[in-house]
Amino acid sequence: MARINLLPWREKLRKQRQRDFGLMTLVALVVTLLGMGYWHWFNQSLIDHQNDRNRFLEKEIAKVDKEIREIRDLEQTRQKLIARMKVIEDLQVSRPQIVHLFDEMVTIIPDGAYLTKATQKGQNLVLQGRAQSNARVSTYMRNIESSPWLDRPKLRIIENTGKGRGAAGSTFQLDLKQVVPKQESAQ
């Protein structure tokens, strides 16, 4: 039988298998790296997309917050305007009342008495004046009680100032309240 040496062939086959194994390992490594690179790129693109959406939402939230602030400012301005309109309306309603008040004050003051000062704060009035006697002040207070436009007279001060020289007289100070008659308030 002829002697065939299979060692070089086996050696050649082993080297071929090692080369193929190295090549397959290299291809597997490259595919793995490419897969990992793609996976990283895909995840990074998802993160970037979400970051873009977050920035968009933040911009929209800032716009809405600005609009809300503007709406609150407009609401405050509206409330101020309504308050001003209410004051103007109250002044319009009370405008004829001052005419009635002055007319009533002239009508009810008795002879021998006159006013030196009148002060009004809201509905409260403080009247200061002079009268020939205390009886004139009493008559004035009764006239105030019977008036439809004035109410609750309270005598705060009354002083006799006619000392000596025969000049008789009293200075007085009255607190009272201005009211609106029922028929007038209904209108």
N, C-alpha and C. Protein backbone atom coordinates (compact mmCIF):
# COMPACT_ATOMS: atom_id res chain seq x y z
N MET A 1 0.81 -1.12 0.00
CA MET A 1 0.00 0.00 0.00
C MET A 1 0.89 1.23 0.00
N ALA A 2 0.34 2.20 -0.65
CA ALA A 2 1.14 3.39 -0.79
C ALA A 2 0.98 4.25 0.45
N ARG A 3 1.97 4.83 0.71
CA ARG A 3 1.91 5.67 1.92
C ARG A 3 1.53 7.09 1.51
N ILE A 4 0.38 7.54 2.08
CA ILE A 4 -0.09 8.91 1.79
C ILE A 4 0.03 9.69 3.09
N ASN A 5 0.67 10.76 2.97
CA ASN A 5 0.84 11.60 4.15
C ASN A 5 -0.30 12.61 4.16
N LEU A 6 -1.19 12.47 5.15
CA LEU A 6 -2.34 13.37 5.27
C LEU A 6 -2.06 14.55 6.21
N LEU A 7 -0.92 14.62 6.81
CA LEU A 7 -0.62 15.69 7.76
C LEU A 7 -0.62 17.08 7.12
N PRO A 8 0.00 17.29 5.94
CA PRO A 8 -0.05 18.64 5.37
C PRO A 8 -1.49 19.04 5.01
N TRP A 9 -2.24 18.05 4.59
CA TRP A 9 -3.63 18.37 4.23
C TRP A 9 -4.42 18.73 5.49
N ARG A 10 -4.20 17.98 6.56
CA ARG A 10 -4.87 18.26 7.83
C ARG A 10 -4.39 19.61 8.39
N GLU A 11 -3.11 19.84 8.22
CA GLU A 11 -2.56 21.11 8.69
C GLU A 11 -3.16 22.25 7.91
N LYS A 12 -3.32 22.09 6.64
CA LYS A 12 -3.90 23.09 5.78
C LYS A 12 -5.36 23.29 6.14
N LEU A 13 -6.07 22.18 6.41
CA LEU A 13 -7.48 22.24 6.80
C LEU A 13 -7.62 22.93 8.15
N ARG A 14 -6.74 22.67 9.10
CA ARG A 14 -6.77 23.30 10.42
C ARG A 14 -6.53 24.81 10.27
N LYS A 15 -5.56 25.21 9.43
CA LYS A 15 -5.29 26.63 9.23
C LYS A 15 -6.49 27.31 8.57
N GLN A 16 -7.11 26.59 7.65
CA GLN A 16 -8.30 27.13 6.97
C GLN A 16 -9.43 27.32 7.97
N ARG A 17 -9.62 26.33 8.85
CA ARG A 17 -10.66 26.43 9.88
C ARG A 17 -10.36 27.56 10.87
N GLN A 18 -9.09 27.74 11.25
CA GLN A 18 -8.72 28.83 12.15
C GLN A 18 -8.96 30.18 11.48
N ARG A 19 -8.62 30.27 10.21
CA ARG A 19 -8.85 31.50 9.48
C ARG A 19 -10.34 31.79 9.37
N ASP A 20 -11.13 30.73 9.05
CA ASP A 20 -12.58 30.89 8.97
C ASP A 20 -13.17 31.28 10.34
N PHE A 21 -12.67 30.65 11.40
CA PHE A 21 -13.13 30.96 12.75
C PHE A 21 -12.79 32.41 13.10
N GLY A 22 -11.62 32.85 12.81
CA GLY A 22 -11.19 34.24 13.06
C GLY A 22 -12.03 35.22 12.25
N LEU A 23 -12.27 34.82 10.97
CA LEU A 23 -13.09 35.67 10.11
C LEU A 23 -14.52 35.74 10.63
N MET A 24 -15.06 34.57 11.05
CA MET A 24 -16.43 34.54 11.59
C MET A 24 -16.50 35.33 12.90
N THR A 25 -15.47 35.22 13.72
CA THR A 25 -15.43 35.98 14.96
C THR A 25 -15.38 37.46 14.66
N LEU A 26 -14.55 37.83 13.68
CA LEU A 26 -14.45 39.23 13.29
C LEU A 26 -15.77 39.73 12.73
N VAL A 27 -16.41 38.93 11.87
CA VAL A 27 -17.72 39.32 11.31
C VAL A 27 -18.75 39.43 12.44
N ALA A 28 -18.73 38.48 13.38
CA ALA A 28 -19.67 38.53 14.50
C ALA A 28 -19.41 39.76 15.35
N LEU A 29 -18.15 40.07 15.57
CA LEU A 29 -17.79 41.25 16.35
C LEU A 29 -18.25 42.52 15.63
N VAL A 30 -18.03 42.59 14.32
CA VAL A 30 -18.45 43.77 13.54
C VAL A 30 -19.97 43.89 13.56
N VAL A 31 -20.67 42.76 13.36
CA VAL A 31 -22.15 42.79 13.39
C VAL A 31 -22.64 43.21 14.77
N THR A 32 -22.00 42.69 15.81
CA THR A 32 -22.37 43.06 17.18
C THR A 32 -22.14 44.55 17.40
N LEU A 33 -20.98 45.07 16.97
CA LEU A 33 -20.70 46.49 17.12
C LEU A 33 -21.68 47.34 16.32
N LEU A 34 -21.96 46.90 15.10
CA LEU A 34 -22.94 47.62 14.29
C LEU A 34 -24.32 47.60 14.94
N GLY A 35 -24.72 46.46 15.45
CA GLY A 35 -26.02 46.35 16.14
C GLY A 35 -26.07 47.24 17.37
N MET A 36 -24.96 47.23 18.14
CA MET A 36 -24.92 48.07 19.33
C MET A 36 -24.92 49.55 18.94
N GLY A 37 -24.19 49.90 17.87
CA GLY A 37 -24.18 51.29 17.38
C GLY A 37 -25.56 51.72 16.92
N TYR A 38 -26.25 50.82 16.16
CA TYR A 38 -27.61 51.13 15.71
C TYR A 38 -28.53 51.29 16.91
N TRP A 39 -28.41 50.39 17.88
CA TRP A 39 -29.25 50.45 19.09
C TRP A 39 -29.00 51.76 19.84
N HIS A 40 -27.76 52.15 19.96
CA HIS A 40 -27.43 53.41 20.63
C HIS A 40 -27.99 54.60 19.83
N TRP A 41 -27.80 54.59 18.52
CA TRP A 41 -28.32 55.66 17.69
C TRP A 41 -29.85 55.73 17.77
N PHE A 42 -30.52 54.59 17.73
CA PHE A 42 -31.99 54.53 17.82
C PHE A 42 -32.47 55.10 19.16
N ASN A 43 -31.85 54.66 20.25
CA ASN A 43 -32.24 55.17 21.57
C ASN A 43 -31.94 56.67 21.70
N GLN A 44 -30.79 57.09 21.15
CA GLN A 44 -30.44 58.51 21.22
C GLN A 44 -31.44 59.34 20.42
N SER A 45 -31.88 58.81 19.27
CA SER A 45 -32.87 59.55 18.47
C SER A 45 -34.20 59.62 19.23
N LEU A 46 -34.59 58.57 19.94
CA LEU A 46 -35.80 58.62 20.76
C LEU A 46 -35.66 59.65 21.88
N ILE A 47 -34.50 59.68 22.51
CA ILE A 47 -34.25 60.66 23.59
C ILE A 47 -34.30 62.08 23.03
N ASP A 48 -33.64 62.29 21.88
CA ASP A 48 -33.66 63.61 21.25
C ASP A 48 -35.07 64.04 20.88
N HIS A 49 -35.83 63.08 20.32
CA HIS A 49 -37.21 63.38 19.96
C HIS A 49 -38.02 63.77 21.20
N GLN A 50 -37.85 63.03 22.29
CA GLN A 50 -38.57 63.35 23.53
C GLN A 50 -38.11 64.69 24.10
N ASN A 51 -36.81 64.99 24.02
CA ASN A 51 -36.31 66.29 24.47
C ASN A 51 -36.92 67.43 23.64
N ASP A 52 -37.04 67.20 22.31
CA ASP A 52 -37.67 68.21 21.45
C ASP A 52 -39.13 68.42 21.87
N ARG A 53 -39.82 67.33 22.13
CA ARG A 53 -41.22 67.44 22.58
C ARG A 53 -41.30 68.17 23.92
N ASN A 54 -40.37 67.87 24.83
CA ASN A 54 -40.35 68.54 26.14
C ASN A 54 -40.11 70.05 25.98
N ARG A 55 -39.16 70.42 25.11
CA ARG A 55 -38.90 71.84 24.87
C ARG A 55 -40.12 72.52 24.28
N PHE A 56 -40.79 71.84 23.34
CA PHE A 56 -42.01 72.40 22.75
C PHE A 56 -43.07 72.61 23.83
N LEU A 57 -43.26 71.61 24.68
CA LEU A 57 -44.24 71.73 25.75
C LEU A 57 -43.87 72.85 26.72
N GLU A 58 -42.59 72.99 27.03
CA GLU A 58 -42.17 74.07 27.93
C GLU A 58 -42.45 75.43 27.32
N LYS A 59 -42.22 75.57 26.00
CA LYS A 59 -42.52 76.83 25.32
C LYS A 59 -44.02 77.11 25.37
N GLU A 60 -44.81 76.08 25.10
CA GLU A 60 -46.27 76.26 25.12
C GLU A 60 -46.77 76.57 26.52
N ILE A 61 -46.19 75.93 27.51
CA ILE A 61 -46.56 76.21 28.91
C ILE A 61 -46.20 77.65 29.27
N ALA A 62 -45.05 78.10 28.81
CA ALA A 62 -44.65 79.50 29.07
C ALA A 62 -45.63 80.47 28.42
N LYS A 63 -46.06 80.15 27.18
CA LYS A 63 -47.04 81.00 26.50
C LYS A 63 -48.35 81.03 27.28
N VAL A 64 -48.80 79.86 27.71
CA VAL A 64 -50.07 79.78 28.46
C VAL A 64 -49.94 80.51 29.80
N ASP A 65 -48.80 80.36 30.48
CA ASP A 65 -48.59 81.08 31.74
C ASP A 65 -48.64 82.59 31.52
N LYS A 66 -48.04 83.05 30.42
CA LYS A 66 -48.07 84.48 30.10
C LYS A 66 -49.51 84.93 29.84
N GLU A 67 -50.27 84.11 29.11
CA GLU A 67 -51.67 84.45 28.85
C GLU A 67 -52.47 84.46 30.14
N ILE A 68 -52.19 83.53 31.04
CA ILE A 68 -52.90 83.49 32.32
C ILE A 68 -52.59 84.75 33.12
N ARG A 69 -51.31 85.16 33.12
CA ARG A 69 -50.95 86.41 33.82
C ARG A 69 -51.69 87.60 33.21
N GLU A 70 -51.75 87.64 31.86
CA GLU A 70 -52.47 88.72 31.20
C GLU A 70 -53.95 88.70 31.56
N ILE A 71 -54.53 87.51 31.62
CA ILE A 71 -55.94 87.38 31.99
C ILE A 71 -56.15 87.86 33.42
N ARG A 72 -55.24 87.49 34.33
CA ARG A 72 -55.36 87.96 35.72
C ARG A 72 -55.24 89.48 35.79
N ASP A 73 -54.30 90.04 35.01
CA ASP A 73 -54.15 91.49 34.98
C ASP A 73 -55.42 92.15 34.43
N LEU A 74 -55.96 91.56 33.37
CA LEU A 74 -57.20 92.10 32.81
C LEU A 74 -58.35 91.98 33.80
N GLU A 75 -58.39 90.88 34.54
CA GLU A 75 -59.44 90.70 35.54
C GLU A 75 -59.30 91.74 36.65
N GLN A 76 -58.07 92.02 37.08
CA GLN A 76 -57.86 93.05 38.10
C GLN A 76 -58.26 94.42 37.55
N THR A 77 -57.89 94.70 36.31
CA THR A 77 -58.27 95.96 35.68
C THR A 77 -59.79 96.06 35.58
N ARG A 78 -60.42 94.95 35.24
CA ARG A 78 -61.88 94.91 35.14
C ARG A 78 -62.51 95.19 36.51
N GLN A 79 -61.96 94.57 37.56
CA GLN A 79 -62.50 94.81 38.90
C GLN A 79 -62.33 96.27 39.30
N LYS A 80 -61.18 96.86 38.96
CA LYS A 80 -60.97 98.27 39.27
C LYS A 80 -61.95 99.15 38.52
N LEU A 81 -62.17 98.84 37.24
CA LEU A 81 -63.12 99.61 36.46
C LEU A 81 -64.54 99.47 36.99
N ILE A 82 -64.90 98.27 37.40
CA ILE A 82 -66.23 98.05 37.98
C ILE A 82 -66.38 98.85 39.27
N ALA A 83 -65.32 98.86 40.08
CA ALA A 83 -65.36 99.64 41.33
C ALA A 83 -65.51 101.13 41.01
N ARG A 84 -64.79 101.62 40.01
CA ARG A 84 -64.91 103.03 39.62
C ARG A 84 -66.31 103.33 39.11
N MET A 85 -66.83 102.40 38.28
CA MET A 85 -68.19 102.59 37.77
C MET A 85 -69.20 102.62 38.91
N LYS A 86 -68.99 101.80 39.91
CA LYS A 86 -69.88 101.77 41.08
C LYS A 86 -69.83 103.10 41.82
N VAL A 87 -68.61 103.64 41.98
CA VAL A 87 -68.46 104.93 42.65
C VAL A 87 -69.17 106.02 41.85
N ILE A 88 -68.97 106.00 40.54
CA ILE A 88 -69.62 107.00 39.68
C ILE A 88 -71.13 106.85 39.75
N GLU A 89 -71.61 105.62 39.72
CA GLU A 89 -73.05 105.37 39.81
C GLU A 89 -73.60 105.87 41.14
N ASP A 90 -72.86 105.59 42.23
CA ASP A 90 -73.31 106.07 43.54
C ASP A 90 -73.33 107.59 43.58
N LEU A 91 -72.33 108.22 42.97
CA LEU A 91 -72.32 109.68 42.91
C LEU A 91 -73.49 110.21 42.08
N GLN A 92 -73.78 109.55 40.99
CA GLN A 92 -74.91 109.96 40.16
C GLN A 92 -76.22 109.84 40.94
N VAL A 93 -76.35 108.76 41.70
CA VAL A 93 -77.57 108.56 42.48
C VAL A 93 -77.65 109.59 43.60
N SER A 94 -76.51 109.89 44.23
CA SER A 94 -76.53 110.80 45.37
C SER A 94 -76.48 112.27 44.96
N ARG A 95 -76.32 112.55 43.71
CA ARG A 95 -76.23 113.94 43.26
C ARG A 95 -77.48 114.74 43.62
N PRO A 96 -78.68 114.24 43.37
CA PRO A 96 -79.86 115.03 43.77
C PRO A 96 -80.03 115.08 45.29
N GLN A 97 -79.44 114.14 46.00
CA GLN A 97 -79.61 114.12 47.45
C GLN A 97 -78.98 115.33 48.11
N ILE A 98 -77.86 115.81 47.60
CA ILE A 98 -77.21 116.98 48.21
C ILE A 98 -78.08 118.22 48.02
N VAL A 99 -78.76 118.28 46.87
CA VAL A 99 -79.68 119.40 46.63
C VAL A 99 -80.82 119.35 47.65
N HIS A 100 -81.37 118.15 47.84
CA HIS A 100 -82.44 117.99 48.84
C HIS A 100 -81.93 118.32 50.24
N LEU A 101 -80.69 117.91 50.52
CA LEU A 101 -80.13 118.18 51.85
C LEU A 101 -80.03 119.68 52.10
N PHE A 102 -79.45 120.43 51.16
CA PHE A 102 -79.33 121.87 51.35
C PHE A 102 -80.70 122.54 51.42
N ASP A 103 -81.61 122.10 50.56
CA ASP A 103 -82.96 122.66 50.60
C ASP A 103 -83.62 122.39 51.94
N GLU A 104 -83.46 121.18 52.44
CA GLU A 104 -84.07 120.81 53.71
C GLU A 104 -83.43 121.57 54.87
N MET A 105 -82.12 121.75 54.82
CA MET A 105 -81.44 122.48 55.89
C MET A 105 -81.93 123.92 55.95
N VAL A 106 -82.19 124.54 54.80
CA VAL A 106 -82.70 125.91 54.78
C VAL A 106 -84.14 125.96 55.26
N THR A 107 -84.92 124.95 54.90
CA THR A 107 -86.34 124.94 55.24
C THR A 107 -86.57 124.74 56.73
N ILE A 108 -85.78 123.87 57.37
CA ILE A 108 -86.08 123.50 58.76
C ILE A 108 -85.40 124.37 59.80
N ILE A 109 -84.49 125.23 59.42
CA ILE A 109 -83.80 126.04 60.43
C ILE A 109 -84.76 127.14 60.93
N PRO A 110 -84.90 127.25 62.23
CA PRO A 110 -85.86 128.25 62.76
C PRO A 110 -85.27 129.66 62.70
N ASP A 111 -86.18 130.64 62.80
CA ASP A 111 -85.72 132.03 62.87
C ASP A 111 -84.91 132.20 64.15
N GLY A 112 -83.88 132.98 64.07
CA GLY A 112 -83.06 133.23 65.24
C GLY A 112 -81.93 132.22 65.39
N ALA A 113 -81.74 131.38 64.41
CA ALA A 113 -80.63 130.42 64.43
C ALA A 113 -79.98 130.42 63.04
N TYR A 114 -78.71 130.19 63.01
CA TYR A 114 -78.01 130.08 61.73
C TYR A 114 -76.82 129.14 61.90
N LEU A 115 -76.38 128.59 60.77
CA LEU A 115 -75.28 127.63 60.77
C LEU A 115 -73.98 128.35 60.42
N THR A 116 -72.92 127.97 61.10
CA THR A 116 -71.60 128.53 60.80
C THR A 116 -70.71 127.53 60.07
N LYS A 117 -71.01 126.25 60.25
CA LYS A 117 -70.17 125.23 59.62
C LYS A 117 -70.99 123.95 59.48
N ALA A 118 -70.83 123.29 58.34
CA ALA A 118 -71.48 122.00 58.11
C ALA A 118 -70.43 121.07 57.52
N THR A 119 -70.30 119.88 58.12
CA THR A 119 -69.32 118.90 57.67
C THR A 119 -70.06 117.58 57.42
N GLN A 120 -69.76 116.95 56.29
CA GLN A 120 -70.40 115.67 55.97
C GLN A 120 -69.32 114.63 55.69
N LYS A 121 -69.50 113.47 56.35
CA LYS A 121 -68.65 112.30 56.09
C LYS A 121 -69.59 111.15 55.83
N GLY A 122 -69.71 110.77 54.58
CA GLY A 122 -70.65 109.71 54.23
C GLY A 122 -72.06 110.22 54.45
N GLN A 123 -72.82 109.51 55.26
CA GLN A 123 -74.19 109.91 55.58
C GLN A 123 -74.26 110.73 56.87
N ASN A 124 -73.15 110.88 57.57
CA ASN A 124 -73.13 111.60 58.84
C ASN A 124 -72.84 113.08 58.61
N LEU A 125 -73.58 113.92 59.32
CA LEU A 125 -73.41 115.37 59.23
C LEU A 125 -73.09 115.92 60.60
N VAL A 126 -72.22 116.92 60.63
CA VAL A 126 -71.93 117.66 61.85
C VAL A 126 -72.23 119.13 61.53
N LEU A 127 -73.20 119.69 62.25
CA LEU A 127 -73.60 121.08 62.03
C LEU A 127 -73.18 121.91 63.23
N GLN A 128 -72.56 123.04 62.97
CA GLN A 128 -72.21 123.99 64.02
C GLN A 128 -72.91 125.29 63.70
N GLY A 129 -73.41 125.94 64.75
CA GLY A 129 -74.11 127.19 64.49
C GLY A 129 -74.31 128.01 65.75
N ARG A 130 -75.08 129.06 65.56
CA ARG A 130 -75.40 129.97 66.66
C ARG A 130 -76.91 130.14 66.69
N ALA A 131 -77.42 130.29 67.88
CA ALA A 131 -78.86 130.51 68.06
C ALA A 131 -79.07 131.55 69.14
N GLN A 132 -80.24 132.24 69.08
CA GLN A 132 -80.53 133.27 70.07
C GLN A 132 -80.77 132.67 71.44
N SER A 133 -81.29 131.41 71.45
CA SER A 133 -81.56 130.78 72.75
C SER A 133 -81.49 129.26 72.59
N ASN A 134 -81.52 128.58 73.73
CA ASN A 134 -81.52 127.12 73.71
C ASN A 134 -82.83 126.59 73.14
N ALA A 135 -83.90 127.35 73.29
CA ALA A 135 -85.20 126.94 72.75
C ALA A 135 -85.15 126.86 71.23
N ARG A 136 -84.39 127.74 70.60
CA ARG A 136 -84.26 127.71 69.13
C ARG A 136 -83.52 126.43 68.70
N VAL A 137 -82.56 126.03 69.49
CA VAL A 137 -81.83 124.79 69.19
C VAL A 137 -82.77 123.60 69.33
N SER A 138 -83.62 123.61 70.36
CA SER A 138 -84.59 122.53 70.56
C SER A 138 -85.57 122.48 69.40
N THR A 139 -86.03 123.63 68.94
CA THR A 139 -86.95 123.69 67.80
C THR A 139 -86.25 123.14 66.55
N TYR A 140 -84.99 123.49 66.39
CA TYR A 140 -84.22 123.01 65.25
C TYR A 140 -84.12 121.48 65.29
N MET A 141 -83.89 120.92 66.47
CA MET A 141 -83.78 119.46 66.59
C MET A 141 -85.12 118.79 66.29
N ARG A 142 -86.23 119.38 66.74
CA ARG A 142 -87.55 118.82 66.43
C ARG A 142 -87.83 118.88 64.93
N ASN A 143 -87.43 119.97 64.30
CA ASN A 143 -87.61 120.09 62.84
C ASN A 143 -86.79 119.03 62.10
N ILE A 144 -85.59 118.75 62.62
CA ILE A 144 -84.74 117.71 61.99
C ILE A 144 -85.42 116.35 62.12
N GLU A 145 -86.01 116.06 63.28
CA GLU A 145 -86.68 114.77 63.48
C GLU A 145 -87.88 114.61 62.55
N SER A 146 -88.55 115.70 62.26
CA SER A 146 -89.73 115.62 61.39
C SER A 146 -89.37 115.64 59.90
N SER A 147 -88.13 115.90 59.58
CA SER A 147 -87.69 115.99 58.19
C SER A 147 -87.56 114.59 57.57
N PRO A 148 -88.00 114.41 56.31
CA PRO A 148 -87.83 113.11 55.66
C PRO A 148 -86.38 112.87 55.19
N TRP A 149 -85.58 113.92 55.12
CA TRP A 149 -84.21 113.80 54.61
C TRP A 149 -83.16 113.75 55.70
N LEU A 150 -83.52 114.06 56.92
CA LEU A 150 -82.56 114.08 58.03
C LEU A 150 -83.12 113.26 59.18
N ASP A 151 -82.21 112.69 59.98
CA ASP A 151 -82.66 111.81 61.06
C ASP A 151 -81.64 111.79 62.18
N ARG A 152 -82.06 111.38 63.35
CA ARG A 152 -81.24 111.15 64.54
C ARG A 152 -80.38 112.36 64.95
N PRO A 153 -80.97 113.47 65.26
CA PRO A 153 -80.16 114.59 65.73
C PRO A 153 -79.66 114.33 67.15
N LYS A 154 -78.42 114.61 67.38
CA LYS A 154 -77.82 114.47 68.71
C LYS A 154 -77.07 115.76 69.01
N LEU A 155 -77.41 116.35 70.12
CA LEU A 155 -76.76 117.59 70.51
C LEU A 155 -75.44 117.23 71.18
N ARG A 156 -74.38 117.66 70.58
CA ARG A 156 -73.06 117.36 71.12
C ARG A 156 -72.63 118.46 72.09
N ILE A 157 -72.75 119.71 71.66
CA ILE A 157 -72.30 120.84 72.50
C ILE A 157 -73.33 121.96 72.39
N ILE A 158 -73.61 122.58 73.51
CA ILE A 158 -74.35 123.84 73.52
C ILE A 158 -73.74 124.71 74.60
N GLU A 159 -73.38 125.93 74.23
CA GLU A 159 -72.73 126.84 75.17
C GLU A 159 -73.39 128.20 75.07
N ASN A 160 -73.63 128.78 76.19
CA ASN A 160 -74.13 130.16 76.21
C ASN A 160 -72.93 131.08 76.07
N THR A 161 -72.97 131.92 75.08
CA THR A 161 -71.84 132.83 74.82
C THR A 161 -72.21 134.27 75.11
N GLY A 162 -73.43 134.53 75.44
CA GLY A 162 -73.86 135.91 75.67
C GLY A 162 -73.64 136.37 77.09
N LYS A 163 -72.42 136.47 77.53
CA LYS A 163 -72.09 136.94 78.88
C LYS A 163 -71.78 138.42 78.81
N GLY A 164 -72.41 139.16 79.68
CA GLY A 164 -72.13 140.59 79.71
C GLY A 164 -72.74 141.30 78.53
N ARG A 165 -72.71 142.56 78.48
CA ARG A 165 -73.12 143.45 77.42
C ARG A 165 -74.51 143.15 76.87
N GLY A 166 -75.26 142.30 77.48
CA GLY A 166 -76.65 142.05 77.09
C GLY A 166 -76.82 141.22 75.84
N ALA A 167 -75.79 140.74 75.24
CA ALA A 167 -75.93 139.93 74.04
C ALA A 167 -76.18 138.50 74.45
N ALA A 168 -77.34 138.00 74.17
CA ALA A 168 -77.67 136.62 74.50
C ALA A 168 -77.43 135.75 73.28
N GLY A 169 -77.08 134.49 73.49
CA GLY A 169 -76.88 133.58 72.38
C GLY A 169 -76.20 132.31 72.82
N SER A 170 -76.32 131.30 71.95
CA SER A 170 -75.72 130.01 72.23
C SER A 170 -75.02 129.51 70.97
N THR A 171 -73.92 128.87 71.17
CA THR A 171 -73.30 128.13 70.06
C THR A 171 -73.63 126.66 70.29
N PHE A 172 -73.86 125.96 69.22
CA PHE A 172 -74.25 124.56 69.33
C PHE A 172 -73.53 123.73 68.27
N GLN A 173 -73.51 122.42 68.53
CA GLN A 173 -72.97 121.46 67.56
C GLN A 173 -73.90 120.26 67.58
N LEU A 174 -74.41 119.90 66.41
CA LEU A 174 -75.33 118.78 66.26
C LEU A 174 -74.71 117.71 65.37
N ASP A 175 -74.94 116.47 65.75
CA ASP A 175 -74.61 115.33 64.89
C ASP A 175 -75.93 114.78 64.38
N LEU A 176 -76.02 114.51 63.08
CA LEU A 176 -77.23 113.93 62.53
C LEU A 176 -76.87 113.09 61.32
N LYS A 177 -77.89 112.42 60.78
CA LYS A 177 -77.67 111.49 59.69
C LYS A 177 -78.56 111.88 58.53
N GLN A 178 -77.99 111.84 57.32
CA GLN A 178 -78.77 112.09 56.12
C GLN A 178 -79.40 110.78 55.69
N VAL A 179 -80.70 110.81 55.38
CA VAL A 179 -81.40 109.60 54.94
C VAL A 179 -82.09 109.90 53.61
N VAL A 180 -82.44 108.83 52.92
CA VAL A 180 -83.18 108.95 51.67
C VAL A 180 -84.58 108.45 51.96
N PRO A 181 -85.61 109.26 51.70
CA PRO A 181 -86.97 108.80 51.94
C PRO A 181 -87.29 107.54 51.12
N LYS A 182 -88.21 106.75 51.62
CA LYS A 182 -88.52 105.47 50.97
C LYS A 182 -89.00 105.65 49.55
N GLN A 183 -89.83 106.63 49.31
CA GLN A 183 -90.34 106.83 47.95
C GLN A 183 -89.22 107.27 47.00
N GLU A 184 -88.25 108.02 47.50
CA GLU A 184 -87.11 108.47 46.69
C GLU A 184 -86.18 107.31 46.38
N SER A 185 -85.93 106.44 47.37
CA SER A 185 -85.03 105.30 47.16
C SER A 185 -85.64 104.28 46.23
N ALA A 186 -86.97 104.20 46.16
CA ALA A 186 -87.62 103.27 45.24
C ALA A 186 -87.41 103.70 43.80
N GLN A 187 -87.28 104.99 43.58
CA GLN A 187 -87.07 105.48 42.21
C GLN A 187 -85.64 105.20 41.80
